[in-house]
C-alpha atoms as a PDB file:
ATOM      1  CA  MET A   1      -0.074  -0.063  -0.094  1.00  0.00           C
ATOM      2  CA  ASN A   2       1.655   3.324  -1.080  1.00  0.00           C
ATOM      3  CA  LYS A   3       2.163   6.160   1.329  1.00  0.00           C
ATOM      4  CA  LEU A   4      -0.495   8.564  -0.252  1.00  0.00           C
ATOM      5  CA  LEU A   5      -3.264   5.749   0.045  1.00  0.00           C
ATOM      6  CA  ILE A   6      -2.273   5.038   3.687  1.00  0.00           C
ATOM      7  CA  PHE A   7      -2.289   8.955   4.354  1.00  0.00           C
ATOM      8  CA  LEU A   8      -5.821   9.515   2.745  1.00  0.00           C
ATOM      9  CA  LEU A   9      -7.165   6.406   4.973  1.00  0.00           C
ATOM     10  CA  LEU A  10      -5.783   8.182   8.063  1.00  0.00           C
ATOM     11  CA  SER A  11      -7.057  11.422   7.231  1.00  0.00           C
ATOM     12  CA  THR A  12     -10.621   9.887   6.348  1.00  0.00           C
ATOM     13  CA  THR A  13     -10.655   8.182   9.768  1.00  0.00           C
ATOM     14  CA  TYR A  14      -9.491  11.247  11.606  1.00  0.00           C
ATOM     15  CA  ILE A  15     -12.256  13.201  10.004  1.00  0.00           C
ATOM     16  CA  PHE A  16     -15.158  10.861  10.762  1.00  0.00           C
ATOM     17  CA  SER A  17     -13.956  10.197  14.144  1.00  0.00           C
ATOM     18  CA  ASN A  18     -14.804  13.714  15.270  1.00  0.00           C
ATOM     19  CA  ILE A  19     -18.253  14.194  17.109  1.00  0.00           C
ATOM     20  CA  ASN A  20     -20.655  15.995  15.207  1.00  0.00           C
ATOM     21  CA  ALA A  21     -22.256  18.195  17.582  1.00  0.00           C
ATOM     22  CA  VAL A  22     -25.194  21.019  17.242  1.00  0.00           C
ATOM     23  CA  VAL A  23     -25.482  24.050  19.476  1.00  0.00           C
ATOM     24  CA  SER A  24     -28.354  26.283  19.894  1.00  0.00           C
ATOM     25  CA  ILE A  25     -26.545  29.755  20.243  1.00  0.00           C
ATOM     26  CA  VAL A  26     -23.178  31.526  19.554  1.00  0.00           C
ATOM     27  CA  PRO A  27     -21.944  31.584  23.043  1.00  0.00           C
ATOM     28  CA  GLU A  28     -22.299  27.835  23.380  1.00  0.00           C
ATOM     29  CA  GLN A  29     -20.317  27.384  20.034  1.00  0.00           C
ATOM     30  CA  THR A  30     -17.508  29.295  21.682  1.00  0.00           C
ATOM     31  CA  PHE A  31     -17.523  27.092  24.925  1.00  0.00           C
ATOM     32  CA  LEU A  32     -17.813  23.782  23.025  1.00  0.00           C
ATOM     33  CA  LYS A  33     -14.993  24.991  20.735  1.00  0.00           C
ATOM     34  CA  ALA A  34     -12.619  26.005  23.443  1.00  0.00           C
ATOM     35  CA  ILE A  35     -13.264  22.601  25.295  1.00  0.00           C
ATOM     36  CA  GLY A  36     -13.680  20.157  22.241  1.00  0.00           C
ATOM     37  CA  GLY A  37     -11.189  21.570  20.165  1.00  0.00           C
ATOM     38  CA  GLU A  38     -10.498  19.840  17.028  1.00  0.00           C
ATOM     39  CA  LYS A  39     -12.326  16.924  18.031  1.00  0.00           C
ATOM     40  CA  VAL A  40     -15.503  18.436  17.526  1.00  0.00           C
ATOM     41  CA  ASN A  41     -17.368  19.660  14.351  1.00  0.00           C
ATOM     42  CA  ILE A  42     -19.980  22.195  15.522  1.00  0.00           C
ATOM     43  CA  THR A  43     -23.165  23.216  13.689  1.00  0.00           C
ATOM     44  CA  LEU A  44     -24.972  26.479  14.882  1.00  0.00           C
ATOM     45  CA  MET A  45     -28.432  27.000  15.113  1.00  0.00           C
ATOM     46  CA  VAL A  46     -29.389  30.412  16.010  1.00  0.00           C
ATOM     47  CA  GLN A  47     -27.262  32.675  13.640  1.00  0.00           C
ATOM     48  CA  ALA A  48     -26.102  36.078  14.622  1.00  0.00           C
ATOM     49  CA  GLY A  49     -28.719  38.762  14.141  1.00  0.00           C
ATOM     50  CA  ASP A  50     -31.632  36.237  14.749  1.00  0.00           C
ATOM     51  CA  SER A  51     -33.617  35.776  17.999  1.00  0.00           C
ATOM     52  CA  PRO A  52     -33.367  32.576  20.129  1.00  0.00           C
ATOM     53  CA  HIS A  53     -36.839  33.184  21.381  1.00  0.00           C
ATOM     54  CA  THR A  54     -38.646  32.525  17.808  1.00  0.00           C
ATOM     55  CA  TYR A  55     -36.076  30.953  15.958  1.00  0.00           C
ATOM     56  CA  GLU A  56     -37.190  28.190  13.339  1.00  0.00           C
ATOM     57  CA  PRO A  57     -34.272  25.918  11.824  1.00  0.00           C
ATOM     58  CA  LYS A  58     -33.539  25.757   8.051  1.00  0.00           C
ATOM     59  CA  PRO A  59     -33.579  22.584   6.089  1.00  0.00           C
ATOM     60  CA  SER A  60     -29.808  22.286   6.059  1.00  0.00           C
ATOM     61  CA  GLN A  61     -29.745  22.572   9.723  1.00  0.00           C
ATOM     62  CA  MET A  62     -32.525  19.943  10.002  1.00  0.00           C
ATOM     63  CA  LEU A  63     -29.993  17.689   8.039  1.00  0.00           C
ATOM     64  CA  SER A  64     -27.214  18.559  10.471  1.00  0.00           C
ATOM     65  CA  VAL A  65     -29.440  17.328  13.243  1.00  0.00           C
ATOM     66  CA  SER A  66     -30.151  14.107  11.607  1.00  0.00           C
ATOM     67  CA  LYS A  67     -26.309  13.162  11.517  1.00  0.00           C
ATOM     68  CA  ALA A  68     -25.407  14.763  14.567  1.00  0.00           C
ATOM     69  CA  ASP A  69     -24.074  12.694  17.644  1.00  0.00           C
ATOM     70  CA  LEU A  70     -24.779  15.375  20.183  1.00  0.00           C
ATOM     71  CA  TYR A  71     -26.913  18.284  20.948  1.00  0.00           C
ATOM     72  CA  LEU A  72     -26.289  20.585  23.481  1.00  0.00           C
ATOM     73  CA  ALA A  73     -29.314  22.426  24.696  1.00  0.00           C
ATOM     74  CA  ILE A  74     -29.135  25.636  26.980  1.00  0.00           C
ATOM     75  CA  ASP A  75     -32.837  26.068  27.784  1.00  0.00           C
ATOM     76  CA  VAL A  76     -33.448  29.121  25.243  1.00  0.00           C
ATOM     77  CA  GLU A  77     -37.220  29.495  24.152  1.00  0.00           C
ATOM     78  CA  PHE A  78     -37.016  27.842  20.640  1.00  0.00           C
ATOM     79  CA  GLU A  79     -35.814  24.538  22.020  1.00  0.00           C
ATOM     80  CA  GLN A  80     -39.122  24.088  23.889  1.00  0.00           C
ATOM     81  CA  VAL A  81     -40.860  23.582  20.473  1.00  0.00           C
ATOM     82  CA  TRP A  82     -37.922  22.208  18.318  1.00  0.00           C
ATOM     83  CA  LEU A  83     -35.928  19.826  20.630  1.00  0.00           C
ATOM     84  CA  PRO A  84     -38.626  17.124  20.667  1.00  0.00           C
ATOM     85  CA  LYS A  85     -38.795  17.280  16.965  1.00  0.00           C
ATOM     86  CA  PHE A  86     -34.801  16.943  16.875  1.00  0.00           C
ATOM     87  CA  GLU A  87     -35.263  14.073  19.017  1.00  0.00           C
ATOM     88  CA  ASN A  88     -37.772  12.376  16.710  1.00  0.00           C
ATOM     89  CA  LEU A  89     -35.701  13.213  13.657  1.00  0.00           C
ATOM     90  CA  ASN A  90     -32.439  11.484  15.226  1.00  0.00           C
ATOM     91  CA  SER A  91     -33.222   9.019  17.895  1.00  0.00           C
ATOM     92  CA  LYS A  92     -29.488   8.378  18.285  1.00  0.00           C
ATOM     93  CA  MET A  93     -28.357  11.633  19.009  1.00  0.00           C
ATOM     94  CA  VAL A  94     -27.395  12.241  22.572  1.00  0.00           C
ATOM     95  CA  VAL A  95     -29.091  15.443  23.932  1.00  0.00           C
ATOM     96  CA  ALA A  96     -27.555  17.113  26.934  1.00  0.00           C
ATOM     97  CA  ASP A  97     -28.658  20.325  28.868  1.00  0.00           C
ATOM     98  CA  VAL A  98     -25.641  22.292  29.629  1.00  0.00           C
ATOM     99  CA  ALA A  99     -27.624  24.667  31.781  1.00  0.00           C
ATOM    100  CA  LYS A 100     -28.130  21.843  34.414  1.00  0.00           C
ATOM    101  CA  GLY A 101     -27.056  22.917  37.921  1.00  0.00           C
ATOM    102  CA  VAL A 102     -27.479  26.573  36.972  1.00  0.00           C
ATOM    103  CA  LYS A 103     -29.572  28.434  39.489  1.00  0.00           C
ATOM    104  CA  LYS A 104     -32.405  30.241  37.351  1.00  0.00           C
ATOM    105  CA  ILE A 105     -33.666  33.863  38.282  1.00  0.00           C
ATOM    106  CA  ALA A 106     -36.861  35.386  37.007  1.00  0.00           C
ATOM    107  CA  MET A 107     -37.063  37.217  33.818  1.00  0.00           C
ATOM    108  CA  SER A 108     -37.513  40.866  35.166  1.00  0.00           C
ATOM    109  CA  HIS A 109     -38.963  43.776  33.394  1.00  0.00           C
ATOM    110  CA  GLU A 110     -38.161  46.380  36.013  1.00  0.00           C
ATOM    111  CA  ASN A 111     -38.460  50.061  35.927  1.00  0.00           C
ATOM    112  CA  GLU A 112     -40.377  52.535  38.341  1.00  0.00           C
ATOM    113  CA  ALA A 113     -43.340  52.934  35.836  1.00  0.00           C
ATOM    114  CA  HIS A 114     -43.987  49.083  35.649  1.00  0.00           C
ATOM    115  CA  THR A 115     -42.103  46.465  37.854  1.00  0.00           C
ATOM    116  CA  VAL A 116     -42.646  42.857  36.993  1.00  0.00           C
ATOM    117  CA  HIS A 117     -40.920  39.563  37.352  1.00  0.00           C
ATOM    118  CA  ASP A 118     -42.830  38.216  34.236  1.00  0.00           C
ATOM    119  CA  ALA A 119     -44.551  35.143  35.069  1.00  0.00           C
ATOM    120  CA  HIS A 120     -45.472  34.951  31.429  1.00  0.00           C
ATOM    121  CA  GLU A 121     -41.844  34.657  30.141  1.00  0.00           C
ATOM    122  CA  GLY A 122     -40.707  32.842  33.237  1.00  0.00           C
ATOM    123  CA  GLN A 123     -37.196  32.285  34.067  1.00  0.00           C
ATOM    124  CA  ASP A 124     -34.444  34.418  32.399  1.00  0.00           C
ATOM    125  CA  PRO A 125     -32.684  32.370  29.943  1.00  0.00           C
ATOM    126  CA  HIS A 126     -29.440  34.462  29.487  1.00  0.00           C
ATOM    127  CA  ILE A 127     -27.406  32.247  31.787  1.00  0.00           C
ATOM    128  CA  TRP A 128     -24.252  32.656  30.056  1.00  0.00           C
ATOM    129  CA  THR A 129     -23.843  36.402  31.133  1.00  0.00           C
ATOM    130  CA  SER A 130     -22.417  35.424  34.198  1.00  0.00           C
ATOM    131  CA  PRO A 131     -18.917  33.941  34.545  1.00  0.00           C
ATOM    132  CA  ALA A 132     -19.988  31.815  37.458  1.00  0.00           C
ATOM    133  CA  ASN A 133     -22.658  30.280  35.218  1.00  0.00           C
ATOM    134  CA  VAL A 134     -19.918  29.807  32.378  1.00  0.00           C
ATOM    135  CA  LYS A 135     -18.066  27.596  34.553  1.00  0.00           C
ATOM    136  CA  THR A 136     -20.932  25.363  35.232  1.00  0.00           C
ATOM    137  CA  ILE A 137     -22.009  25.378  31.504  1.00  0.00           C
ATOM    138  CA  ALA A 138     -18.218  24.429  30.685  1.00  0.00           C
ATOM    139  CA  GLN A 139     -18.254  21.534  33.284  1.00  0.00           C
ATOM    140  CA  ASN A 140     -21.529  20.190  31.815  1.00  0.00           C
ATOM    141  CA  ILE A 141     -19.781  20.360  28.168  1.00  0.00           C
ATOM    142  CA  TYR A 142     -16.864  18.454  29.292  1.00  0.00           C
ATOM    143  CA  LYS A 143     -18.827  15.904  30.987  1.00  0.00           C
ATOM    144  CA  VAL A 144     -20.787  15.015  27.992  1.00  0.00           C
ATOM    145  CA  LEU A 145     -17.834  15.277  25.682  1.00  0.00           C
ATOM    146  CA  VAL A 146     -16.258  12.437  27.970  1.00  0.00           C
ATOM    147  CA  LYS A 147     -19.436  10.617  27.948  1.00  0.00           C
ATOM    148  CA  VAL A 148     -19.518  10.171  24.059  1.00  0.00           C
ATOM    149  CA  ASP A 149     -15.852  10.103  23.572  1.00  0.00           C
ATOM    150  CA  LYS A 150     -14.025   8.549  26.643  1.00  0.00           C
ATOM    151  CA  ASP A 151     -10.689   8.037  24.772  1.00  0.00           C
ATOM    152  CA  ASN A 152     -10.034  11.659  24.580  1.00  0.00           C
ATOM    153  CA  GLU A 153     -10.724  12.582  28.125  1.00  0.00           C
ATOM    154  CA  ASP A 154      -7.311  13.919  28.943  1.00  0.00           C
ATOM    155  CA  TYR A 155      -7.723  16.164  25.760  1.00  0.00           C
ATOM    156  CA  TYR A 156     -11.150  17.678  26.853  1.00  0.00           C
ATOM    157  CA  HIS A 157      -9.929  17.906  30.570  1.00  0.00           C
ATOM    158  CA  HIS A 158      -6.757  20.069  29.476  1.00  0.00           C
ATOM    159  CA  ASN A 159      -8.803  22.336  27.343  1.00  0.00           C
ATOM    160  CA  LEU A 160     -11.401  22.480  30.172  1.00  0.00           C
ATOM    161  CA  ASP A 161      -8.653  23.694  32.698  1.00  0.00           C
ATOM    162  CA  ALA A 162      -7.391  26.393  30.206  1.00  0.00           C
ATOM    163  CA  PHE A 163     -10.831  27.646  29.649  1.00  0.00           C
ATOM    164  CA  LEU A 164     -11.984  27.780  33.190  1.00  0.00           C
ATOM    165  CA  THR A 165      -8.561  29.954  33.923  1.00  0.00           C
ATOM    166  CA  GLN A 166      -9.991  32.320  31.025  1.00  0.00           C
ATOM    167  CA  VAL A 167     -13.272  32.533  32.842  1.00  0.00           C
ATOM    168  CA  GLU A 168     -11.631  33.307  36.368  1.00  0.00           C
ATOM    169  CA  ASP A 169      -9.690  36.032  34.620  1.00  0.00           C
ATOM    170  CA  THR A 170     -12.753  37.390  33.052  1.00  0.00           C
ATOM    171  CA  ASP A 171     -14.450  37.576  36.351  1.00  0.00           C
ATOM    172  CA  ILE A 172     -11.209  39.499  37.728  1.00  0.00           C
ATOM    173  CA  GLN A 173     -11.180  42.022  35.128  1.00  0.00           C
ATOM    174  CA  ILE A 174     -14.834  42.908  35.445  1.00  0.00           C
ATOM    175  CA  LYS A 175     -14.406  43.208  39.290  1.00  0.00           C
ATOM    176  CA  GLU A 176     -11.531  45.430  38.889  1.00  0.00           C
ATOM    177  CA  THR A 177     -13.363  47.651  36.469  1.00  0.00           C
ATOM    178  CA  LEU A 178     -16.598  48.066  38.385  1.00  0.00           C
ATOM    179  CA  SER A 179     -14.502  48.921  41.497  1.00  0.00           C
ATOM    180  CA  THR A 180     -13.967  52.185  40.072  1.00  0.00           C
ATOM    181  CA  LEU A 181     -17.581  52.931  40.363  1.00  0.00           C
ATOM    182  CA  LYS A 182     -18.236  55.787  42.506  1.00  0.00           C
ATOM    183  CA  GLY A 183     -22.032  56.473  42.340  1.00  0.00           C
ATOM    184  CA  SER A 184     -25.023  54.547  40.874  1.00  0.00           C
ATOM    185  CA  ARG A 185     -24.587  51.083  39.990  1.00  0.00           C
ATOM    186  CA  THR A 186     -27.554  50.997  37.831  1.00  0.00           C
ATOM    187  CA  PHE A 187     -27.708  50.533  34.177  1.00  0.00           C
ATOM    188  CA  MET A 188     -30.423  50.645  31.548  1.00  0.00           C
ATOM    189  CA  VAL A 189     -31.100  48.159  28.700  1.00  0.00           C
ATOM    190  CA  PHE A 190     -33.863  47.945  26.105  1.00  0.00           C
ATOM    191  CA  HIS A 191     -34.274  44.062  26.658  1.00  0.00           C
ATOM    192  CA  PRO A 192     -33.551  42.768  30.120  1.00  0.00           C
ATOM    193  CA  SER A 193     -30.849  40.170  28.909  1.00  0.00           C
ATOM    194  CA  TRP A 194     -28.296  41.080  31.699  1.00  0.00           C
ATOM    195  CA  GLY A 195     -29.914  39.952  34.915  1.00  0.00           C
ATOM    196  CA  TYR A 196     -27.351  37.429  35.521  1.00  0.00           C
ATOM    197  CA  PHE A 197     -24.621  39.755  34.949  1.00  0.00           C
ATOM    198  CA  ALA A 198     -26.055  42.360  37.130  1.00  0.00           C
ATOM    199  CA  LYS A 199     -26.785  39.926  40.103  1.00  0.00           C
ATOM    200  CA  ALA A 200     -23.118  38.709  39.877  1.00  0.00           C
ATOM    201  CA  TYR A 201     -21.730  42.000  40.441  1.00  0.00           C
ATOM    202  CA  GLY A 202     -24.127  43.874  42.651  1.00  0.00           C
ATOM    203  CA  LEU A 203     -25.751  45.987  39.600  1.00  0.00           C
ATOM    204  CA  ARG A 204     -29.409  46.785  38.778  1.00  0.00           C
ATOM    205  CA  GLN A 205     -30.725  46.811  35.161  1.00  0.00           C
ATOM    206  CA  ILE A 206     -33.519  49.079  34.210  1.00  0.00           C
ATOM    207  CA  ALA A 207     -35.503  47.767  31.394  1.00  0.00           C
ATOM    208  CA  VAL A 208     -37.157  50.160  28.650  1.00  0.00           C
ATOM    209  CA  GLU A 209     -39.328  47.507  27.272  1.00  0.00           C
ATOM    210  CA  VAL A 210     -42.405  46.541  29.462  1.00  0.00           C
ATOM    211  CA  GLU A 211     -43.631  42.874  29.296  1.00  0.00           C
ATOM    212  CA  GLY A 212     -41.876  42.602  25.882  1.00  0.00           C
ATOM    213  CA  LYS A 213     -43.170  45.880  24.457  1.00  0.00           C
ATOM    214  CA  SER A 214     -41.989  49.325  23.756  1.00  0.00           C
ATOM    215  CA  PRO A 215     -43.020  51.827  26.442  1.00  0.00           C
ATOM    216  CA  LYS A 216     -45.865  54.066  25.852  1.00  0.00           C
ATOM    217  CA  PRO A 217     -45.226  58.009  26.076  1.00  0.00           C
ATOM    218  CA  ARG A 218     -46.277  58.003  30.024  1.00  0.00           C
ATOM    219  CA  GLU A 219     -43.763  55.259  30.703  1.00  0.00           C
ATOM    220  CA  LEU A 220     -41.093  56.962  28.621  1.00  0.00           C
ATOM    221  CA  VAL A 221     -41.380  59.975  31.000  1.00  0.00           C
ATOM    222  CA  GLN A 222     -41.049  57.903  34.082  1.00  0.00           C
ATOM    223  CA  LEU A 223     -38.217  56.212  32.753  1.00  0.00           C
ATOM    224  CA  ILE A 224     -36.250  59.503  31.824  1.00  0.00           C
ATOM    225  CA  LYS A 225     -37.019  60.639  35.289  1.00  0.00           C
ATOM    226  CA  GLU A 226     -35.459  57.343  36.760  1.00  0.00           C
ATOM    227  CA  ALA A 227     -32.608  57.398  34.660  1.00  0.00           C
ATOM    228  CA  LYS A 228     -31.857  61.043  35.889  1.00  0.00           C
ATOM    229  CA  LYS A 229     -32.261  60.120  39.311  1.00  0.00           C
ATOM    230  CA  GLU A 230     -30.081  56.916  39.068  1.00  0.00           C
ATOM    231  CA  LYS A 231     -27.470  58.585  36.909  1.00  0.00           C
ATOM    232  CA  VAL A 232     -27.610  56.196  34.148  1.00  0.00           C
ATOM    233  CA  THR A 233     -24.673  56.932  31.752  1.00  0.00           C
ATOM    234  CA  ALA A 234     -25.605  54.590  28.872  1.00  0.00           C
ATOM    235  CA  ILE A 235     -28.506  52.606  27.344  1.00  0.00           C
ATOM    236  CA  PHE A 236     -27.533  49.100  26.288  1.00  0.00           C
ATOM    237  CA  THR A 237     -29.674  47.678  23.132  1.00  0.00           C
ATOM    238  CA  GLN A 238     -29.398  44.476  21.012  1.00  0.00           C
ATOM    239  CA  PRO A 239     -29.118  44.092  17.354  1.00  0.00           C
ATOM    240  CA  GLU A 240     -32.057  41.581  17.639  1.00  0.00           C
ATOM    241  CA  PHE A 241     -34.526  44.273  18.719  1.00  0.00           C
ATOM    242  CA  SER A 242     -35.505  47.769  17.767  1.00  0.00           C
ATOM    243  CA  ASP A 243     -33.713  50.553  19.526  1.00  0.00           C
ATOM    244  CA  ALA A 244     -36.219  53.332  18.535  1.00  0.00           C
ATOM    245  CA  SER A 245     -37.416  53.760  22.349  1.00  0.00           C
ATOM    246  CA  ALA A 246     -33.914  53.769  23.510  1.00  0.00           C
ATOM    247  CA  LYS A 247     -32.804  56.542  20.933  1.00  0.00           C
ATOM    248  CA  ILE A 248     -35.588  58.724  22.372  1.00  0.00           C
ATOM    249  CA  LEU A 249     -34.297  58.314  26.008  1.00  0.00           C
ATOM    250  CA  ALA A 250     -30.692  58.806  24.924  1.00  0.00           C
ATOM    251  CA  LYS A 251     -31.332  61.812  23.173  1.00  0.00           C
ATOM    252  CA  GLU A 252     -33.341  63.073  26.244  1.00  0.00           C
ATOM    253  CA  LEU A 253     -30.724  62.157  28.580  1.00  0.00           C
ATOM    254  CA  HIS A 254     -27.638  63.101  26.480  1.00  0.00           C
ATOM    255  CA  ILE A 255     -25.997  59.861  26.866  1.00  0.00           C
ATOM    256  CA  PRO A 256     -24.859  57.153  24.233  1.00  0.00           C
ATOM    257  CA  VAL A 257     -26.904  54.165  22.942  1.00  0.00           C
ATOM    258  CA  ILE A 258     -24.545  51.250  22.900  1.00  0.00           C
ATOM    259  CA  LYS A 259     -25.383  48.123  20.840  1.00  0.00           C
ATOM    260  CA  VAL A 260     -24.322  44.987  22.426  1.00  0.00           C
ATOM    261  CA  SER A 261     -25.570  41.484  22.092  1.00  0.00           C
ATOM    262  CA  PRO A 262     -25.420  38.717  24.673  1.00  0.00           C
ATOM    263  CA  LEU A 263     -25.216  36.240  21.838  1.00  0.00           C
ATOM    264  CA  ALA A 264     -21.695  37.855  20.826  1.00  0.00           C
ATOM    265  CA  PRO A 265     -19.022  35.128  19.979  1.00  0.00           C
ATOM    266  CA  ASN A 266     -16.589  36.759  22.240  1.00  0.00           C
ATOM    267  CA  TRP A 267     -18.228  36.105  25.272  1.00  0.00           C
ATOM    268  CA  SER A 268     -15.427  37.419  27.768  1.00  0.00           C
ATOM    269  CA  GLN A 269     -14.640  40.558  25.959  1.00  0.00           C
ATOM    270  CA  ASN A 270     -18.139  41.492  25.663  1.00  0.00           C
ATOM    271  CA  LEU A 271     -18.736  41.151  29.297  1.00  0.00           C
ATOM    272  CA  ILE A 272     -15.548  43.451  29.976  1.00  0.00           C
ATOM    273  CA  ASN A 273     -16.734  45.846  27.516  1.00  0.00           C
ATOM    274  CA  ILE A 274     -20.137  46.219  29.486  1.00  0.00           C
ATOM    275  CA  ALA A 275     -18.394  46.644  32.847  1.00  0.00           C
ATOM    276  CA  LYS A 276     -16.171  49.523  31.308  1.00  0.00           C
ATOM    277  CA  ALA A 277     -19.429  51.243  29.734  1.00  0.00           C
ATOM    278  CA  ILE A 278     -21.179  51.166  33.084  1.00  0.00           C
ATOM    279  CA  ALA A 279     -18.010  52.499  34.891  1.00  0.00           C
ATOM    280  CA  GLY A 280     -17.883  55.073  32.451  1.00  0.00           C
ATOM    281  CA  GLN A 281     -14.540  54.010  30.880  1.00  0.00           C
ATOM    282  CA  LYS A 282     -13.579  53.925  27.104  1.00  0.00           C
END
């Protein structure tokens, strides 16, 4: 057997020995890539700019699910409808909930005009906005990778250790940045996606939207009063949602509108940048 043929056979074996995994959102893709490395082929469901609340998979993604070894769920809304369909499509696929062990908080639409811990929306799904939660997610990813690929346990463990160090460094940087805060620890958001981040660092988020809807004129007036009282320095909006109301508030308050998505791939720098904006740093 010539060397070229041997090389081709080995290469083919290597390619097909990888785990074919599907994840729901971009941060999961980042976490899985960090821990699974070259041993995992990843298919992403919710693309950048789309919302995990209402996402509907494309035919090409359904094909990927049909061939997948592993699906990593993270308790985002679209999974409630689609995960049973994925399991029916591919009964051999291992489905793991990487949110297991994370203590959930209520989805809060909070401002002085309207304070609601929304029973309709239930628990806040944005668990990955807290470094402590990311550690739990990472441990869950590691465990399921070892479950389906025991032979590469040492490889995954090495990657997990490196990733957990990065998470700890991120947490330290955020704490150092926020330690410079002299006054209010309140920030304003359009959609309340940063509840876990706020809880982790003793902050408070004021939501512009009320029960998933843009505020009425009376509510905007109240938001302006509250933002002035709390000395809010910026309003965070997401590319996935309209920022028309936020722009009105920002113009009245003479503060910037900062577009930032909790679904950004660089989760670490994303959280550090938010901390800097809250602390008034550039």
